[in-house]
Amino acid sequence: MRASKTATPDRDAWHHRDAWLTDREAQATGQPQVTQTLSGPRQARGPHRGLARWRPGYWPLILSYLVVVASDFWFVNPFATGALSWPLTVLWTWPIVTTITGIVGIRRSRRTLREAEARWSGRGVTVSAGFLIVVVPTIGRNDTYPALKRSVESYLTYLPPCFPRLRIDIVIDEGCEAADRIAGLAARSELIRLVVVPSRYRTANGTKFKARVTNYSHELRIHERENRDDVWVLHMDDDTGVGPDTALTMARFIEEQVEAGADGKHLAQGVLTYPREYAVNTLTWLADSVRPAEDVGRFSAWTGSGTPRAGVHGELLLVRASIEATIGWDFGPRSIVEDAQFALIFSARYKGRSAWFSGRCYGASPAGLRDFVRQRERWSWGLTALVFNRSLQLRNRLLLGYSVASWVVGPITNVAVVMTLSILVAERNTSPVALFIIPFWALNMAYTIWMYWEGLRLNAVVSGDGRRKWWEPPVVILLIPVFGMMESIPGLRGSMKFARRTEHRFMVIRKPS
């Protein structure tokens, strides 16, 4: 017996969904096939050769390093130090651990891509026997509905060929603004279930915001006895879609875990990209070049090595349901970066059991600079709170604290700020206290250049024409000091608000459609 398509607060019991549509049953029921109608990313219409051939490149990193280190040695004064020498020696060298981790991640990503190509070459479409549940929490506003619709259509289009056992749970709060429109969207396919979180629902620890509704759907799955090893939960944001590469890499990952048996992984994450067609603001789109590069670099290094100490992001997060059931999402009322907290708890309990895969998801950059700042400020507030959360493992908090410190000091380490300050105090000497420091400075700068260069390349590859416009690479490099301030000022503000014990609201930014 098929369960109700809508999980409502008025029902006295939740029903376990035991039967699933097979291909023949789907044809017999006349289930509608939803296709993309957007004139957007090429990935919405199918993969192309540029995406299939993509590998993170070394040459932008090497070339940038050689240019920067040569320039530094040319301009440095080896026989004198100034008032800024010691502060800059510390501050500009500080991110070196993150840089080295990112370079390790590049190597790991390239190796993973190479091994996957060798393993699966010539096998065609992989069909997974696992049961995939896509969980899409949404605030349910009218302005976020178009992005939700786009994302859900992509799940319906690309996931069924690889996952015959599939369900898409759209999770909303009771009485949300766009409830009727979302209910209409859910009615379009038997694969979609609308989960309505009752307004009276409270978690044991008083969790709020997105974590609250995510925890409700988590408890619902436990009640329905879906917390099994063969069930995988794919967490997605309401503005983030998938493509055929996403489905294929996830199906192959899950089948690899079936073959691994007791040694299988429990969590995996891919790459978040931003197609140009989903962007309404060119500046924020270029600034978000850093995010897919972070996935390929630093996040690949940690998550791909088995322990996601750098955290995870809330989209394209694939978790075994039986493992998620042991952690949950009830992290308390101050949790606003629940994805990172989940990752740190997972790291402490299941060392070596996470993986990185090359599949991509397709999201949208913030609609404007104000939303960009709000987004980063919320992340900073939430991550700073985790650093001081004593319920988490100290080792993980120390690593997170190092990363947050690198972020929040950004306004005073920005190259443009340092140059301006040196002019104001009439101190032109910005040399380090020792020449051996220069290669570390150069490596940090080269890795920053690599992130924006390679991230822009990847975002362009998943866009409509599959290539960067001629002016984008030089502009994204020249704007790195601007992007640095766009990232670091909200980071500093968020940490300061936490230090002042200012309560931070979970503000959902506009979702470009």
Protein backbone atom coordinates (compact mmCIF):
# COMPACT_ATOMS: atom_id res chain seq x y z
CA MET A 1 0.00 0.00 0.00
CA ARG A 2 1.37 3.38 -1.01
CA ALA A 3 1.76 6.01 1.66
CA SER A 4 0.08 9.36 1.44
CA LYS A 5 1.81 11.90 -0.79
CA THR A 6 1.57 14.48 1.95
CA ALA A 7 2.81 14.04 5.49
CA THR A 8 0.55 16.43 7.41
CA PRO A 9 0.35 17.38 11.08
CA ASP A 10 -3.29 16.22 11.20
CA ARG A 11 -2.45 12.55 10.81
CA ASP A 12 -2.31 10.46 13.97
CA ALA A 13 0.29 8.10 12.58
CA TRP A 14 2.98 8.00 9.96
CA HIS A 15 2.73 5.20 7.43
CA HIS A 16 5.67 3.11 6.32
CA ARG A 17 6.20 3.21 2.58
CA ASP A 18 7.06 -0.37 1.56
CA ALA A 19 6.11 -0.47 -2.12
CA TRP A 20 7.83 1.50 -4.83
CA LEU A 21 7.13 2.19 -8.48
CA THR A 22 9.03 -0.06 -10.81
CA ASP A 23 9.60 1.06 -14.39
CA ARG A 24 6.55 -0.89 -15.57
CA GLU A 25 4.40 0.47 -12.77
CA ALA A 26 5.48 3.99 -13.63
CA GLN A 27 4.42 3.47 -17.23
CA ALA A 28 1.14 1.90 -16.14
CA THR A 29 0.26 4.82 -13.91
CA GLY A 30 1.08 7.34 -16.60
CA GLN A 31 3.47 9.14 -14.30
CA PRO A 32 4.37 12.47 -15.93
CA GLN A 33 7.94 12.97 -17.08
CA VAL A 34 9.09 16.45 -16.19
CA THR A 35 11.67 18.01 -18.48
CA GLN A 36 13.73 21.14 -18.11
CA THR A 37 12.30 24.09 -19.93
CA LEU A 38 14.91 26.57 -18.77
CA SER A 39 17.20 28.04 -21.39
CA GLY A 40 19.87 27.86 -18.75
CA PRO A 41 22.90 25.71 -18.11
CA ARG A 42 23.97 23.15 -20.62
CA GLN A 43 23.88 20.71 -17.73
CA ALA A 44 20.09 21.11 -17.71
CA ARG A 45 20.04 19.68 -21.22
CA GLY A 46 22.75 17.06 -20.92
CA PRO A 47 26.49 16.65 -20.34
CA HIS A 48 29.04 17.98 -22.78
CA ARG A 49 32.61 17.03 -23.54
CA GLY A 50 34.14 19.98 -21.70
CA LEU A 51 32.58 18.83 -18.45
CA ALA A 52 33.56 15.20 -19.01
CA ARG A 53 37.19 16.20 -19.62
CA TRP A 54 37.45 18.65 -16.73
CA ARG A 55 40.27 18.14 -14.25
CA PRO A 56 41.55 20.67 -11.69
CA GLY A 57 44.71 22.08 -13.21
CA TYR A 58 48.10 22.56 -11.60
CA TRP A 59 49.49 25.11 -14.03
CA PRO A 60 47.61 28.20 -12.69
CA LEU A 61 49.01 27.42 -9.24
CA ILE A 62 52.57 26.85 -10.46
CA LEU A 63 52.63 29.86 -12.77
CA SER A 64 51.13 32.14 -10.10
CA TYR A 65 53.66 30.92 -7.56
CA LEU A 66 56.63 31.58 -9.84
CA VAL A 67 55.41 35.08 -10.71
CA VAL A 68 54.59 36.03 -7.10
CA VAL A 69 57.78 34.64 -5.58
CA ALA A 70 59.93 36.33 -8.23
CA SER A 71 58.14 39.65 -7.68
CA ASP A 72 58.51 39.40 -3.92
CA PHE A 73 62.22 38.72 -4.09
CA TRP A 74 62.62 41.57 -6.59
CA PHE A 75 60.94 44.17 -4.38
CA VAL A 76 61.96 42.98 -0.93
CA ASN A 77 64.69 44.73 1.01
CA PRO A 78 66.82 41.88 2.43
CA PHE A 79 68.79 44.14 4.79
CA ALA A 80 66.04 46.06 6.55
CA THR A 81 62.78 45.50 8.36
CA GLY A 82 60.06 47.98 9.10
CA ALA A 83 57.25 48.53 11.58
CA LEU A 84 54.96 46.28 9.54
CA SER A 85 57.45 43.43 9.15
CA TRP A 86 56.55 41.37 12.20
CA PRO A 87 52.76 41.75 11.92
CA LEU A 88 52.84 40.87 8.22
CA THR A 89 55.21 37.95 8.80
CA VAL A 90 52.64 36.42 11.13
CA LEU A 91 49.44 37.38 9.34
CA TRP A 92 50.48 36.65 5.75
CA THR A 93 52.06 33.34 6.75
CA TRP A 94 49.15 32.25 8.94
CA PRO A 95 46.98 30.57 6.21
CA ILE A 96 49.80 28.23 5.09
CA VAL A 97 48.17 25.13 6.63
CA THR A 98 44.96 25.81 4.73
CA THR A 99 46.96 26.37 1.55
CA ILE A 100 48.88 23.11 1.87
CA THR A 101 45.65 21.27 2.67
CA GLY A 102 44.06 22.72 -0.45
CA ILE A 103 46.97 21.60 -2.63
CA VAL A 104 46.70 18.10 -1.16
CA GLY A 105 43.01 18.25 -2.06
CA ILE A 106 43.78 19.14 -5.68
CA ARG A 107 45.97 16.07 -5.95
CA ARG A 108 43.31 13.90 -4.29
CA SER A 109 40.59 15.21 -6.61
CA ARG A 110 42.67 14.49 -9.70
CA ARG A 111 43.43 11.00 -8.45
CA THR A 112 39.77 10.30 -7.62
CA LEU A 113 38.71 11.40 -11.10
CA ARG A 114 41.40 9.25 -12.70
CA GLU A 115 40.51 6.17 -10.65
CA ALA A 116 36.78 6.57 -11.27
CA GLU A 117 37.37 6.86 -15.00
CA ALA A 118 39.44 3.67 -15.01
CA ARG A 119 36.98 1.77 -12.83
CA TRP A 120 33.80 2.68 -14.66
CA SER A 121 35.04 3.15 -18.22
CA GLY A 122 32.66 1.65 -20.77
CA ARG A 123 30.03 0.57 -18.25
CA GLY A 124 27.36 3.05 -19.30
CA VAL A 125 24.57 4.07 -16.94
CA THR A 126 24.86 2.66 -13.42
CA VAL A 127 21.59 1.68 -11.75
CA SER A 128 21.76 1.63 -7.96
CA ALA A 129 19.77 -0.82 -5.89
CA GLY A 130 19.85 1.61 -3.00
CA PHE A 131 16.83 3.61 -1.91
CA LEU A 132 17.54 7.32 -2.39
CA ILE A 133 15.54 9.92 -0.46
CA VAL A 134 16.12 13.53 -1.54
CA VAL A 135 15.35 15.94 1.31
CA VAL A 136 14.64 19.52 0.27
CA PRO A 137 13.75 21.85 3.15
CA THR A 138 12.42 25.22 2.05
CA ILE A 139 11.19 28.31 3.83
CA GLY A 140 8.29 28.28 1.39
CA ARG A 141 8.19 31.94 0.38
CA ASN A 142 6.80 33.04 -2.95
CA ASP A 143 10.14 34.57 -3.94
CA THR A 144 11.95 31.27 -3.34
CA TYR A 145 9.39 29.10 -5.12
CA PRO A 146 10.72 29.49 -8.70
CA ALA A 147 14.16 28.25 -7.63
CA LEU A 148 12.57 25.34 -5.75
CA LYS A 149 10.54 24.41 -8.84
CA ARG A 150 13.66 24.48 -11.01
CA SER A 151 15.54 22.27 -8.58
CA VAL A 152 12.76 19.72 -8.12
CA GLU A 153 12.34 19.43 -11.89
CA SER A 154 16.00 18.55 -12.18
CA TYR A 155 15.59 15.74 -9.60
CA LEU A 156 12.64 14.33 -11.52
CA THR A 157 14.53 14.52 -14.79
CA TYR A 158 17.94 13.11 -13.91
CA LEU A 159 17.69 10.89 -10.83
CA PRO A 160 15.17 8.15 -11.83
CA PRO A 161 17.37 6.48 -14.51
CA CYS A 162 20.03 5.74 -11.88
CA PHE A 163 17.69 5.31 -8.89
CA PRO A 164 14.56 3.22 -9.53
CA ARG A 165 13.86 3.45 -5.79
CA LEU A 166 13.53 7.18 -5.31
CA ARG A 167 11.53 9.64 -3.27
CA ILE A 168 11.75 13.43 -3.08
CA ASP A 169 10.66 14.93 0.24
CA ILE A 170 9.88 18.64 0.09
CA VAL A 171 9.83 19.83 3.71
CA ILE A 172 7.89 22.98 4.62
CA ASP A 173 6.54 24.63 7.74
CA GLU A 174 2.81 24.52 8.31
CA GLY A 175 1.18 27.67 6.93
CA CYS A 176 4.15 28.89 4.90
CA GLU A 177 3.49 31.56 2.29
CA ALA A 178 3.80 29.40 -0.82
CA ALA A 179 2.20 26.25 0.64
CA ASP A 180 -0.46 25.95 -2.08
CA ARG A 181 2.05 26.40 -4.91
CA ILE A 182 4.40 23.84 -3.39
CA ALA A 183 1.51 21.40 -2.91
CA GLY A 184 0.72 21.81 -6.60
CA LEU A 185 4.34 21.08 -7.46
CA ALA A 186 4.28 17.95 -5.28
CA ALA A 187 1.13 16.74 -7.03
CA ARG A 188 2.96 16.60 -10.38
CA SER A 189 4.72 13.33 -9.62
CA GLU A 190 4.24 10.23 -7.48
CA LEU A 191 7.91 10.48 -6.61
CA ILE A 192 7.35 13.65 -4.56
CA ARG A 193 6.07 13.71 -1.01
CA LEU A 194 5.22 16.94 0.76
CA VAL A 195 6.27 16.87 4.42
CA VAL A 196 4.50 19.54 6.47
CA VAL A 197 6.14 20.36 9.79
CA PRO A 198 3.49 21.24 12.40
CA SER A 199 3.82 24.69 13.91
CA ARG A 200 3.61 23.08 17.34
CA TYR A 201 6.59 20.80 16.68
CA ARG A 202 9.50 21.27 19.06
CA THR A 203 12.70 19.27 19.25
CA ALA A 204 14.06 17.95 22.51
CA ASN A 205 16.87 20.54 22.50
CA GLY A 206 14.79 23.45 21.17
CA THR A 207 16.45 23.56 17.76
CA LYS A 208 15.20 26.27 15.40
CA PHE A 209 15.30 27.29 11.76
CA LYS A 210 16.39 24.88 9.02
CA ALA A 211 17.81 22.33 11.48
CA ARG A 212 14.38 22.04 13.11
CA VAL A 213 12.54 21.06 9.93
CA THR A 214 15.41 18.82 8.86
CA ASN A 215 15.22 17.05 12.22
CA TYR A 216 11.47 16.58 11.77
CA SER A 217 11.97 14.79 8.46
CA HIS A 218 14.77 12.78 10.08
CA GLU A 219 12.42 11.64 12.87
CA LEU A 220 9.78 10.84 10.27
CA ARG A 221 12.16 8.51 8.45
CA ILE A 222 13.04 6.76 11.71
CA HIS A 223 9.33 6.30 12.48
CA GLU A 224 8.82 4.81 9.04
CA ARG A 225 11.78 2.46 9.61
CA GLU A 226 13.78 3.95 6.78
CA ASN A 227 16.91 4.28 8.93
CA ARG A 228 18.51 1.30 7.21
CA ASP A 229 21.92 0.71 5.68
CA ASP A 230 20.46 0.47 2.15
CA VAL A 231 18.74 3.86 2.44
CA TRP A 232 20.69 6.96 1.47
CA VAL A 233 19.58 10.52 2.19
CA LEU A 234 20.57 13.27 -0.23
CA HIS A 235 20.32 16.69 1.42
CA MET A 236 19.73 19.54 -1.03
CA ASP A 237 19.00 23.25 -0.76
CA ASP A 238 15.86 24.52 -2.40
CA ASP A 239 17.79 26.46 -5.05
CA THR A 240 20.23 23.70 -5.99
CA GLY A 241 19.56 21.20 -8.76
CA VAL A 242 21.31 18.17 -10.19
CA GLY A 243 22.39 16.92 -13.59
CA PRO A 244 23.07 13.53 -15.19
CA ASP A 245 26.64 13.60 -13.85
CA THR A 246 25.28 14.03 -10.33
CA ALA A 247 23.03 10.99 -10.55
CA LEU A 248 25.68 8.82 -12.18
CA THR A 249 28.47 9.56 -9.69
CA MET A 250 26.15 9.07 -6.70
CA ALA A 251 24.86 5.74 -8.05
CA ARG A 252 28.41 4.55 -8.61
CA PHE A 253 29.48 5.68 -5.15
CA ILE A 254 26.61 3.79 -3.51
CA GLU A 255 27.34 0.63 -5.51
CA GLU A 256 30.98 0.85 -4.45
CA GLN A 257 29.86 0.90 -0.81
CA VAL A 258 27.72 -2.18 -1.38
CA GLU A 259 30.80 -3.97 -2.72
CA ALA A 260 32.90 -2.70 0.23
CA GLY A 261 30.47 -4.20 2.74
CA ALA A 262 31.44 -3.50 6.35
CA ASP A 263 34.28 -1.25 5.18
CA GLY A 264 31.97 1.01 3.19
CA LYS A 265 31.75 4.78 3.61
CA HIS A 266 28.80 6.43 5.33
CA LEU A 267 28.94 10.00 3.99
CA ALA A 268 30.01 11.68 0.77
CA GLN A 269 29.92 15.09 -0.83
CA GLY A 270 30.51 16.43 -4.31
CA VAL A 271 31.06 19.86 -5.82
CA LEU A 272 28.78 22.89 -5.61
CA THR A 273 28.86 24.92 -8.84
CA TYR A 274 27.16 28.08 -10.08
CA PRO A 275 26.02 28.14 -13.72
CA ARG A 276 26.20 31.60 -15.22
CA GLU A 277 22.56 31.45 -16.31
CA TYR A 278 21.34 31.22 -12.72
CA ALA A 279 23.20 34.38 -11.71
CA VAL A 280 21.46 37.75 -11.57
CA ASN A 281 24.51 39.62 -10.29
CA THR A 282 27.83 39.30 -12.10
CA LEU A 283 29.91 40.51 -9.14
CA THR A 284 28.57 37.92 -6.69
CA TRP A 285 28.82 35.21 -9.36
CA LEU A 286 32.48 35.97 -9.93
CA ALA A 287 33.06 36.15 -6.17
CA ASP A 288 31.52 32.71 -5.76
CA SER A 289 34.20 31.23 -8.00
CA VAL A 290 35.96 30.41 -4.76
CA ARG A 291 33.31 27.94 -3.61
CA PRO A 292 33.66 25.11 -6.17
CA ALA A 293 37.43 25.52 -5.87
CA GLU A 294 37.15 24.99 -2.11
CA ASP A 295 35.25 21.75 -2.77
CA VAL A 296 37.94 20.55 -5.17
CA GLY A 297 40.74 21.62 -2.82
CA ARG A 298 40.31 21.86 0.94
CA PHE A 299 37.03 19.95 1.29
CA SER A 300 38.28 17.19 -0.98
CA ALA A 301 41.38 16.84 1.20
CA TRP A 302 39.42 16.41 4.43
CA THR A 303 36.18 14.71 3.35
CA GLY A 304 37.98 12.62 0.75
CA SER A 305 40.48 11.38 3.34
CA GLY A 306 37.62 9.96 5.40
CA THR A 307 37.10 12.59 8.10
CA PRO A 308 35.24 15.83 7.16
CA ARG A 309 36.89 18.08 9.74
CA ALA A 310 36.59 21.09 7.43
CA GLY A 311 32.82 20.64 7.54
CA VAL A 312 30.36 20.02 4.73
CA HIS A 313 27.79 22.15 2.95
CA GLY A 314 24.08 21.50 3.12
CA GLU A 315 23.63 20.62 -0.53
CA LEU A 316 24.79 17.48 -2.33
CA LEU A 317 25.37 15.88 1.06
CA LEU A 318 24.82 12.12 0.80
CA VAL A 319 24.47 10.26 4.10
CA ARG A 320 23.61 6.66 4.93
CA ALA A 321 20.24 6.81 6.73
CA SER A 322 21.27 4.38 9.47
CA ILE A 323 24.23 6.62 10.35
CA GLU A 324 22.28 9.86 10.16
CA ALA A 325 19.82 8.32 12.62
CA THR A 326 22.60 8.14 15.24
CA ILE A 327 23.40 11.86 14.93
CA GLY A 328 20.24 13.68 13.92
CA TRP A 329 19.92 17.44 13.59
CA ASP A 330 18.75 18.48 17.05
CA PHE A 331 21.71 20.69 17.92
CA GLY A 332 19.97 23.35 20.01
CA PRO A 333 18.54 26.85 19.44
CA ARG A 334 21.86 28.51 18.53
CA SER A 335 22.64 26.16 15.65
CA ILE A 336 22.57 28.01 12.31
CA VAL A 337 25.32 26.05 10.51
CA GLU A 338 23.88 22.62 11.20
CA ASP A 339 25.71 21.06 8.25
CA ALA A 340 29.13 21.92 9.73
CA GLN A 341 28.07 20.70 13.18
CA PHE A 342 26.84 17.42 11.71
CA ALA A 343 30.20 16.97 9.98
CA LEU A 344 32.20 17.58 13.17
CA ILE A 345 30.11 15.07 15.12
CA PHE A 346 30.48 12.58 12.27
CA SER A 347 34.24 13.14 12.29
CA ALA A 348 34.46 12.24 15.97
CA ARG A 349 32.27 9.13 15.71
CA TYR A 350 33.06 7.70 12.28
CA LYS A 351 36.68 8.44 11.47
CA GLY A 352 37.73 7.40 8.00
CA ARG A 353 34.19 6.78 6.76
CA SER A 354 33.56 9.76 4.47
CA ALA A 355 34.38 10.23 0.79
CA TRP A 356 34.47 12.83 -1.97
CA PHE A 357 32.94 12.29 -5.40
CA SER A 358 33.18 14.30 -8.58
CA GLY A 359 29.48 14.86 -9.22
CA ARG A 360 28.28 18.44 -9.26
CA CYS A 361 25.16 20.20 -8.08
CA TYR A 362 23.96 23.44 -9.63
CA GLY A 363 23.06 26.43 -7.49
CA ALA A 364 22.68 30.18 -7.71
CA SER A 365 24.89 32.90 -6.26
CA PRO A 366 23.29 35.50 -3.99
CA ALA A 367 21.08 37.92 -5.87
CA GLY A 368 22.98 40.97 -4.66
CA LEU A 369 25.83 42.23 -2.50
CA ARG A 370 23.56 42.65 0.52
CA ASP A 371 22.48 39.01 0.36
CA PHE A 372 26.10 37.95 -0.16
CA VAL A 373 27.13 39.79 3.01
CA ARG A 374 24.22 38.37 5.02
CA GLN A 375 25.07 34.85 3.91
CA ARG A 376 28.74 35.11 4.91
CA GLU A 377 27.92 36.85 8.19
CA ARG A 378 25.58 34.04 9.17
CA TRP A 379 28.22 31.44 8.36
CA SER A 380 30.81 33.29 10.43
CA TRP A 381 28.50 33.65 13.44
CA GLY A 382 27.58 29.98 13.30
CA LEU A 383 31.12 28.69 12.82
CA THR A 384 32.45 30.87 15.63
CA ALA A 385 29.75 29.40 17.88
CA LEU A 386 30.97 25.91 16.98
CA VAL A 387 34.55 26.83 17.93
CA PHE A 388 33.33 27.53 21.48
CA ASN A 389 30.90 24.62 21.63
CA ARG A 390 32.42 22.34 24.26
CA SER A 391 30.18 19.43 23.30
CA LEU A 392 32.33 19.01 20.19
CA GLN A 393 35.70 17.30 20.05
CA LEU A 394 38.52 19.71 20.96
CA ARG A 395 40.75 18.64 18.06
CA ASN A 396 38.05 19.48 15.55
CA ARG A 397 37.27 22.80 17.24
CA LEU A 398 40.93 23.82 17.14
CA LEU A 399 41.12 23.19 13.41
CA LEU A 400 37.87 25.10 12.88
CA GLY A 401 39.17 27.93 15.06
CA TYR A 402 42.29 28.18 12.91
CA SER A 403 40.13 28.50 9.78
CA VAL A 404 37.79 31.05 11.33
CA ALA A 405 40.75 33.11 12.55
CA SER A 406 42.16 33.14 9.01
CA TRP A 407 38.80 34.41 7.81
CA VAL A 408 38.09 37.14 10.35
CA VAL A 409 41.52 38.80 10.14
CA GLY A 410 41.02 39.19 6.40
CA PRO A 411 40.22 42.93 6.51
CA ILE A 412 43.67 43.74 7.97
CA THR A 413 45.60 41.27 5.79
CA ASN A 414 44.06 42.39 2.51
CA VAL A 415 46.79 43.52 0.12
CA ALA A 416 45.00 46.77 -0.73
CA VAL A 417 44.53 47.59 2.96
CA VAL A 418 48.18 46.87 3.77
CA MET A 419 49.39 49.04 0.90
CA THR A 420 47.11 51.88 1.97
CA LEU A 421 48.27 51.58 5.57
CA SER A 422 51.94 51.62 4.56
CA ILE A 423 51.36 54.89 2.72
CA LEU A 424 49.46 56.45 5.62
CA VAL A 425 52.16 55.63 8.17
CA ALA A 426 54.97 56.45 5.73
CA GLU A 427 56.34 52.93 6.05
CA ARG A 428 57.04 51.58 2.58
CA ASN A 429 58.93 48.51 3.77
CA THR A 430 56.58 45.53 3.93
CA SER A 431 59.34 42.92 3.86
CA PRO A 432 59.15 39.89 6.18
CA VAL A 433 61.57 39.50 9.06
CA ALA A 434 63.44 36.77 7.15
CA LEU A 435 63.77 35.91 3.48
CA PHE A 436 62.73 32.28 3.97
CA ILE A 437 59.19 33.57 4.71
CA ILE A 438 58.71 34.79 1.13
CA PRO A 439 58.04 31.35 -0.42
CA PHE A 440 55.23 30.83 2.12
CA TRP A 441 53.70 34.19 1.24
CA ALA A 442 53.95 33.40 -2.44
CA LEU A 443 52.33 29.99 -1.98
CA ASN A 444 49.39 31.48 -0.07
CA MET A 445 48.83 34.10 -2.77
CA ALA A 446 49.25 31.58 -5.59
CA TYR A 447 46.68 29.26 -4.04
CA THR A 448 44.22 32.16 -3.71
CA ILE A 449 44.72 32.99 -7.38
CA TRP A 450 44.27 29.31 -8.27
CA MET A 451 40.95 29.14 -6.40
CA TYR A 452 39.40 32.03 -8.31
CA TRP A 453 40.88 30.96 -11.64
CA GLU A 454 39.90 27.29 -11.36
CA GLY A 455 36.54 28.00 -9.70
CA LEU A 456 35.61 30.40 -12.50
CA ARG A 457 36.66 27.77 -15.02
CA LEU A 458 34.43 25.14 -13.41
CA ASN A 459 31.45 27.48 -13.11
CA ALA A 460 31.88 28.37 -16.79
CA VAL A 461 32.16 24.71 -17.83
CA VAL A 462 28.75 23.93 -16.31
CA SER A 463 27.19 27.00 -17.94
CA GLY A 464 25.40 27.21 -21.25
CA ASP A 465 28.30 27.63 -23.67
CA GLY A 466 30.77 25.69 -21.54
CA ARG A 467 33.53 28.30 -21.60
CA ARG A 468 34.68 31.49 -19.95
CA LYS A 469 34.12 34.82 -21.64
CA TRP A 470 37.36 36.49 -22.72
CA TRP A 471 37.20 39.19 -20.06
CA GLU A 472 36.26 37.03 -17.08
CA PRO A 473 39.67 35.47 -16.18
CA PRO A 474 41.61 38.76 -15.97
CA VAL A 475 38.74 40.50 -14.18
CA VAL A 476 38.35 37.77 -11.56
CA ILE A 477 42.10 37.94 -10.81
CA LEU A 478 42.16 41.75 -10.61
CA LEU A 479 39.14 41.74 -8.28
CA ILE A 480 40.66 39.31 -5.75
CA PRO A 481 41.35 42.17 -3.25
CA VAL A 482 37.70 43.25 -3.62
CA PHE A 483 36.46 39.70 -3.17
CA GLY A 484 38.72 39.37 -0.13
CA MET A 485 36.95 42.30 1.53
CA MET A 486 33.54 40.96 0.49
CA GLU A 487 34.38 37.71 2.28
CA SER A 488 36.30 38.98 5.30
CA ILE A 489 34.25 41.97 6.45
CA PRO A 490 31.09 39.87 6.96
CA GLY A 491 33.31 37.22 8.56
CA LEU A 492 34.63 39.73 11.06
CA ARG A 493 31.17 41.16 11.72
CA GLY A 494 29.69 37.72 12.32
CA SER A 495 32.39 36.78 14.83
CA MET A 496 32.07 40.13 16.61
CA LYS A 497 28.31 39.69 16.90
CA PHE A 498 28.87 36.30 18.47
CA ALA A 499 31.43 37.80 20.88
CA ARG A 500 28.90 40.46 21.89
CA ARG A 501 26.33 37.68 22.39
CA THR A 502 24.12 39.17 19.71
CA GLU A 503 21.47 36.63 18.76
CA HIS A 504 21.69 35.85 15.06
CA ARG A 505 18.59 35.19 13.05
CA PHE A 506 18.58 32.58 10.30
CA MET A 507 17.85 34.82 7.32
CA VAL A 508 17.08 33.04 4.08
CA ILE A 509 18.40 35.11 1.19
CA ARG A 510 16.63 35.55 -2.11
CA LYS A 511 16.91 32.57 -4.45
CA PRO A 512 17.47 33.54 -8.09
CA SER A 513 15.46 31.37 -10.43
